Protein backbone atom coordinates (compact mmCIF):
# COMPACT_ATOMS: atom_id res chain seq x y z
CA UNK A 1 38.00 -5.52 -14.84
CA UNK A 2 36.56 -8.00 -12.44
CA UNK A 3 32.75 -7.42 -11.95
CA UNK A 4 31.91 -5.63 -8.91
CA UNK A 5 29.20 -8.01 -8.02
CA UNK A 6 31.77 -10.86 -8.34
CA UNK A 7 34.31 -8.86 -6.19
CA UNK A 8 31.65 -8.54 -3.41
CA UNK A 9 30.67 -12.17 -3.48
CA UNK A 10 32.45 -12.94 -0.17
CA UNK A 11 30.57 -10.25 1.65
CA UNK A 12 27.25 -10.95 -0.02
CA UNK A 13 27.38 -14.69 0.45
CA UNK A 14 28.55 -14.59 4.13
CA UNK A 15 26.31 -11.97 5.59
CA UNK A 16 24.20 -9.71 3.26
CA UNK A 17 22.48 -12.57 1.48
CA UNK A 18 21.12 -13.79 4.76
CA UNK A 19 20.14 -10.22 5.79
CA UNK A 20 18.17 -9.78 2.66
CA UNK A 21 16.40 -13.16 2.99
CA UNK A 22 15.10 -12.07 6.38
CA UNK A 23 12.52 -9.95 4.39
CA UNK A 24 11.22 -13.04 2.49
CA UNK A 25 9.09 -13.66 5.69
CA UNK A 26 5.42 -12.84 5.63
CA UNK A 27 5.86 -10.24 8.46
CA UNK A 28 8.74 -8.19 9.74
CA UNK A 29 8.63 -8.55 13.50
CA UNK A 30 11.07 -7.84 16.32
CA UNK A 31 12.79 -11.21 15.73
CA UNK A 32 13.74 -10.01 12.15
CA UNK A 33 15.17 -6.73 13.45
CA UNK A 34 17.23 -8.60 15.97
CA UNK A 35 18.73 -10.92 13.47
CA UNK A 36 19.34 -8.14 11.02
CA UNK A 37 21.24 -6.12 13.76
CA UNK A 38 23.42 -9.18 14.39
CA UNK A 39 24.20 -9.76 10.76
CA UNK A 40 25.07 -6.21 10.08
CA UNK A 41 27.45 -6.05 12.99
CA UNK A 42 29.06 -9.25 11.90
CA UNK A 43 29.59 -7.79 8.57
CA UNK A 44 31.73 -4.97 10.18
CA UNK A 45 29.10 -2.28 9.64
CA UNK A 46 29.83 -1.41 13.35
CA UNK A 47 27.64 -1.14 16.29
CA UNK A 48 26.91 2.59 16.09
CA UNK A 49 26.31 2.70 12.39
CA UNK A 50 24.21 -0.42 12.52
CA UNK A 51 21.93 1.26 15.24
CA UNK A 52 21.63 4.47 13.14
CA UNK A 53 20.85 2.51 9.95
CA UNK A 54 18.08 0.55 11.65
CA UNK A 55 16.65 3.43 13.36
CA UNK A 56 16.29 5.26 9.99
CA UNK A 57 14.68 2.12 8.34
CA UNK A 58 12.22 1.54 11.19
CA UNK A 59 11.24 5.25 11.09
CA UNK A 60 10.53 4.92 7.37
CA UNK A 61 8.54 1.72 7.97
CA UNK A 62 6.30 3.52 10.41
CA UNK A 63 5.94 6.80 8.51
CA UNK A 64 5.36 5.12 5.15
CA UNK A 65 3.22 2.29 6.70
CA UNK A 66 5.38 -0.40 5.15
CA UNK A 67 4.33 -3.93 5.85
CA UNK A 68 5.45 -6.22 3.15
CA UNK A 69 8.99 -7.61 3.55
CA UNK A 70 10.10 -6.44 -0.01
CA UNK A 71 9.16 -2.91 0.75
CA UNK A 72 11.13 -2.93 4.00
CA UNK A 73 14.08 -4.47 2.17
CA UNK A 74 13.93 -1.59 -0.38
CA UNK A 75 13.91 0.97 2.47
CA UNK A 76 16.94 -0.73 4.07
CA UNK A 77 18.83 -0.55 0.69
CA UNK A 78 17.84 3.09 0.15
CA UNK A 79 19.16 3.97 3.62
CA UNK A 80 22.29 2.22 2.99
CA UNK A 81 22.84 4.23 -0.23
CA UNK A 82 21.99 7.43 1.69
CA UNK A 83 24.83 6.72 4.14
CA UNK A 84 27.27 5.99 1.42
CA UNK A 85 26.73 9.17 -0.49
CA UNK A 86 29.24 11.62 0.86
CA UNK A 87 29.64 14.76 -1.15
CA UNK A 88 32.91 15.12 -2.86
CA UNK A 89 34.19 18.47 -4.17
CA UNK A 90 36.69 17.80 -7.05
CA UNK A 91 39.78 19.70 -6.44
CA UNK A 92 40.48 23.08 -8.09
CA UNK A 93 43.80 22.86 -10.10
CA UNK A 94 45.36 26.05 -11.52
CA UNK A 95 45.71 26.09 -15.30
CA UNK A 96 48.90 24.45 -16.80
CA UNK A 97 49.77 22.87 -13.39
CA UNK A 98 49.47 19.14 -12.77
CA UNK A 99 47.02 17.68 -10.37
CA UNK A 100 48.94 16.44 -7.29
CA UNK A 101 47.71 13.46 -5.45
CA UNK A 102 49.29 12.51 -2.07
CA UNK A 103 48.71 8.83 -1.39
CA UNK A 104 49.02 7.69 2.29
CA UNK A 105 48.41 4.59 4.22
CA UNK A 106 49.93 2.04 6.58
CA UNK A 107 52.29 -0.97 5.66
CA UNK A 108 50.69 -3.74 3.60
CA UNK A 109 47.57 -1.86 2.76
CA UNK A 110 47.99 -2.16 -1.02
CA UNK A 111 49.03 1.59 -1.44
CA UNK A 112 51.70 1.15 -4.15
CA UNK A 113 49.56 -1.22 -6.26
CA UNK A 114 46.47 1.02 -5.92
CA UNK A 115 48.66 4.00 -7.19
CA UNK A 116 49.68 1.96 -10.23
CA UNK A 117 45.94 1.35 -10.89
CA UNK A 118 45.26 4.99 -10.66
CA UNK A 119 48.15 5.75 -13.07
CA UNK A 120 46.90 3.04 -15.46
CA UNK A 121 43.44 4.54 -15.40
CA UNK A 122 44.64 8.06 -15.92
CA UNK A 123 46.92 7.15 -18.70
CA UNK A 124 44.02 5.33 -20.50
CA UNK A 125 42.25 8.72 -20.34
CA UNK A 126 45.02 10.19 -22.44
CA UNK A 127 46.74 11.95 -19.38
CA UNK A 128 50.47 12.28 -18.83
CA UNK A 129 51.10 10.75 -15.46
CA UNK A 130 54.20 10.83 -13.17
CA UNK A 131 54.77 8.77 -10.14
CA UNK A 132 56.97 9.76 -7.28
CA UNK A 133 58.86 7.35 -4.98
CA UNK A 134 58.76 9.24 -1.78
CA UNK A 135 59.00 6.04 0.23
CA UNK A 136 62.77 6.36 0.56
CA UNK A 137 63.17 4.12 3.66
CA UNK A 138 63.07 0.92 1.67
CA UNK A 139 64.94 0.26 -1.42
CA UNK A 140 62.32 -2.39 -2.24
CA UNK A 141 59.53 0.19 -2.22
CA UNK A 142 61.44 2.26 -4.79
CA UNK A 143 62.12 -0.75 -6.89
CA UNK A 144 58.33 -1.76 -6.69
CA UNK A 145 57.11 1.60 -7.86
CA UNK A 146 59.70 1.76 -10.75
CA UNK A 147 58.64 -1.68 -11.91
CA UNK A 148 55.00 -0.80 -11.79
CA UNK A 149 55.70 2.53 -13.54
CA UNK A 150 57.34 0.60 -16.36
CA UNK A 151 54.52 -1.79 -16.52
CA UNK A 152 51.94 0.95 -16.85
CA UNK A 153 54.23 2.98 -19.14
CA UNK A 154 54.58 6.20 -16.99
CA UNK A 155 57.60 8.14 -15.63
CA UNK A 156 58.79 7.58 -12.05
CA UNK A 157 60.93 10.14 -10.23
CA UNK A 158 63.11 8.44 -7.50
CA UNK A 159 66.25 9.32 -5.58
CA UNK A 160 68.55 6.79 -3.88
CA UNK A 161 67.38 4.82 -0.83
CA UNK A 162 67.66 6.91 2.36
CA UNK A 163 67.23 10.26 0.45
CA UNK A 164 65.02 13.14 1.91
CA UNK A 165 61.54 12.36 0.89
CA UNK A 166 60.73 16.03 0.72
CA UNK A 167 63.50 16.53 -1.85
CA UNK A 168 62.25 13.84 -3.96
CA UNK A 169 58.78 15.37 -3.98
CA UNK A 170 60.10 18.91 -4.73
CA UNK A 171 62.22 17.66 -7.70
CA UNK A 172 59.33 15.57 -9.10
CA UNK A 173 56.96 18.59 -8.97
CA UNK A 174 59.48 20.65 -10.77
CA UNK A 175 60.02 17.98 -13.46
CA UNK A 176 56.23 17.53 -13.79
CA UNK A 177 55.74 21.25 -14.52
CA UNK A 178 58.53 21.29 -17.16
CA UNK A 179 57.24 18.07 -18.77
CA UNK A 180 53.65 19.38 -18.77
CA UNK A 181 52.35 16.46 -16.78
CA UNK A 182 48.69 16.20 -16.07
CA UNK A 183 48.81 14.31 -12.82
CA UNK A 184 51.41 13.51 -10.21
CA UNK A 185 50.83 10.72 -7.64
CA UNK A 186 53.16 10.56 -4.69
CA UNK A 187 53.80 7.32 -3.01
CA UNK A 188 54.69 7.90 0.61
CA UNK A 189 56.17 5.38 3.20
CA UNK A 190 53.69 2.81 4.66
CA UNK A 191 53.98 4.53 7.88
CA UNK A 192 52.60 3.25 11.28
CA UNK A 193 49.88 5.72 12.21
CA UNK A 194 50.88 5.63 15.94
CA UNK A 195 54.43 6.83 15.12
CA UNK A 196 54.63 10.57 15.80
CA UNK A 197 57.83 11.20 13.87
CA UNK A 198 56.50 9.43 10.82
CA UNK A 199 53.26 11.49 10.76
CA UNK A 200 55.32 14.58 11.17
CA UNK A 201 57.45 13.68 8.00
CA UNK A 202 54.18 13.16 6.14
CA UNK A 203 53.16 16.68 7.10
CA UNK A 204 56.54 17.90 5.86
CA UNK A 205 56.02 16.34 2.48
CA UNK A 206 52.72 18.10 2.29
CA UNK A 207 54.41 21.29 3.07
CA UNK A 208 57.12 20.86 0.34
CA UNK A 209 54.42 20.10 -2.27
CA UNK A 210 52.82 23.44 -1.35
CA UNK A 211 56.21 25.17 -1.96
CA UNK A 212 56.10 23.96 -5.67
CA UNK A 213 52.44 24.90 -5.89
CA UNK A 214 50.59 26.74 -3.15
CA UNK A 215 47.38 24.72 -3.96
CA UNK A 216 49.03 21.28 -3.79
CA UNK A 217 48.46 18.55 -2.82
CA UNK A 218 45.03 18.79 -4.44
CA UNK A 219 43.96 15.43 -3.05
CA UNK A 220 45.14 13.42 -0.08
CA UNK A 221 44.04 9.77 -0.89
CA UNK A 222 44.06 7.35 1.97
CA UNK A 223 44.50 3.71 0.81
CA UNK A 224 42.79 1.33 3.21
CA UNK A 225 42.81 -2.37 3.07
CA UNK A 226 39.21 -3.58 3.35
CA UNK A 227 40.41 -6.46 5.41
CA UNK A 228 41.40 -4.37 8.33
CA UNK A 229 37.80 -3.74 9.26
CA UNK A 230 37.13 -1.46 12.12
CA UNK A 231 40.94 -0.84 12.51
CA UNK A 232 40.63 1.09 9.19
CA UNK A 233 38.49 3.69 10.99
CA UNK A 234 41.33 4.30 13.55
CA UNK A 235 43.87 4.63 10.76
CA UNK A 236 41.70 7.09 8.86
CA UNK A 237 41.22 9.25 11.92
CA UNK A 238 45.09 9.54 12.48
CA UNK A 239 45.81 10.32 8.84
CA UNK A 240 42.95 12.86 8.58
CA UNK A 241 44.10 14.61 11.67
CA UNK A 242 47.69 14.66 10.38
CA UNK A 243 47.29 15.72 6.67
CA UNK A 244 43.58 16.10 5.95
CA UNK A 245 42.40 13.12 4.03
CA UNK A 246 39.96 14.16 1.21
CA UNK A 247 39.12 10.71 -0.17
CA UNK A 248 39.61 7.04 0.30
CA UNK A 249 40.75 4.21 -2.03
CA UNK A 250 39.35 1.01 -0.44
CA UNK A 251 41.71 -1.79 -1.64
CA UNK A 252 41.33 -5.57 -1.57
CA UNK A 253 37.57 -5.40 -1.33
CA UNK A 254 37.34 -8.62 -3.18
CA UNK A 255 39.29 -10.43 -0.52
CA UNK A 256 37.08 -9.69 2.47
CA UNK A 257 33.78 -11.08 3.71
CA UNK A 258 33.25 -7.92 5.75
CA UNK A 259 32.30 -5.37 3.20
CA UNK A 260 30.10 -3.62 5.71
CA UNK A 261 33.09 -1.60 6.71
CA UNK A 262 32.26 0.70 3.75
CA UNK A 263 29.12 1.82 5.63
CA UNK A 264 31.09 2.56 8.74
CA UNK A 265 33.68 4.50 7.01
CA UNK A 266 31.26 6.77 5.28
CA UNK A 267 28.94 7.18 8.34
CA UNK A 268 31.51 7.79 11.09
CA UNK A 269 34.34 9.64 9.06
CA UNK A 270 32.18 11.49 6.46
CA UNK A 271 35.04 10.99 3.97
CA UNK A 272 34.01 9.93 0.54
CA UNK A 273 35.16 6.63 -0.89
CA UNK A 274 36.38 7.52 -4.31
CA UNK A 275 37.69 4.16 -5.69
CA UNK A 276 37.51 0.53 -4.82
CA UNK A 277 40.00 -2.19 -5.60
CA UNK A 278 38.33 -5.41 -6.96
CA UNK A 279 41.11 -7.59 -8.02
CA UNK A 280 44.97 -8.02 -8.61
CA UNK A 281 45.14 -6.54 -12.22
CA UNK A 282 45.92 -2.95 -13.09
CA UNK A 283 42.35 -2.54 -14.50
CA UNK A 284 40.79 -4.14 -11.38
CA UNK A 285 39.52 -0.77 -9.81
CA UNK A 286 36.51 1.27 -10.23
CA UNK A 287 35.10 4.52 -9.15
CA UNK A 288 32.83 4.17 -6.11
CA UNK A 289 29.10 4.52 -6.81
CA UNK A 290 26.79 4.01 -3.79
CA UNK A 291 23.80 2.60 -5.82
CA UNK A 292 25.92 0.13 -7.75
CA UNK A 293 27.66 -0.94 -4.62
CA UNK A 294 24.46 -1.63 -2.58
CA UNK A 295 22.88 -3.40 -5.53
CA UNK A 296 25.94 -5.56 -5.94
CA UNK A 297 26.14 -6.24 -2.19
CA UNK A 298 22.46 -7.01 -1.64
CA UNK A 299 21.25 -8.77 -4.85
C-alpha cells in the first residue's frame, strides 16, 4: 500500500506545509491568523469549517495562555483531529447472514474500483465476499465489475444489461445466504444526484435488500472523489436524504491538492469517513484514522 503521508503529499506541499510554517514565527499575531484562514480555505476546508476551526483554536490559545508558535500549531492539529472524529456505530448483522453494503456515488467517482479494494481487503481477512453488479444500465459497468471480481478472486452476481437492478440484488442476496457468504457489496449505477428517477431507483434497491433481510443494507457507503471538493458535500447531502448514507469512502485522495475537503465533510455532514483511497492498486486503501491523517497532512 502506498504510504498515507506520500498520498497526501500534494495537499501537504501545496497548502498545509505553508500553514504549519506560519507558526515558526516568534509571535502569532493577527497577520498569522489571516494568512492561516486564506490557506485553509484554499485547501478546500470551506469557509464555514475554517471559521469554526479557527474560533476553537483561538479560544484554546486564550484559555490555555498559549504564546509559542509550536504550542498554537499543536492546538490547531488537535482541533482538526476533533473535527474529524465522527462516531461510527458498527452495523448489527444477524447471525448466519451476510453483511450487506450498498455502495453509491456519481459517475466517475471511483466507486467500482473502491468496491474492488474493499473486497480485496475483506478476502485477505479470510471472509467470503460476493459482489453484485446492480449497475445494469451499462454493459461496460457489468464487465468492469466482473473483471475486478476475477482479479480479486471473488464471485460476482450479474444479469444481462438492462435487467431490473432490484431483481439482481434479490437474487444475489439469496445466493449469498445459500453460499454462506460473509459480506455482499452492491455496486449501483453512477447516478446523477439531481435526477429524481435515478434516486428513486436507488431507494427501490434498498427496499429490495430489506425484503431478503429486514436489517439490510447494513451499511450505505458513499464513494466520493476527493477531487470534487465542495461539490462532494452537495452529492453527500442528496444521497443521505435519499438512502441514509452511513459512511464515506474518500477515493483518489492521492490525486488532489485539496485534502482539506475531509474536514469540511466531517464538520458539515457529520458522516464518518471510513476508508480512504491512496493509489491505483487493490491494496491502496486504508481505514481512516483522524490522528494519522492529520499527522500525515501537517508534518
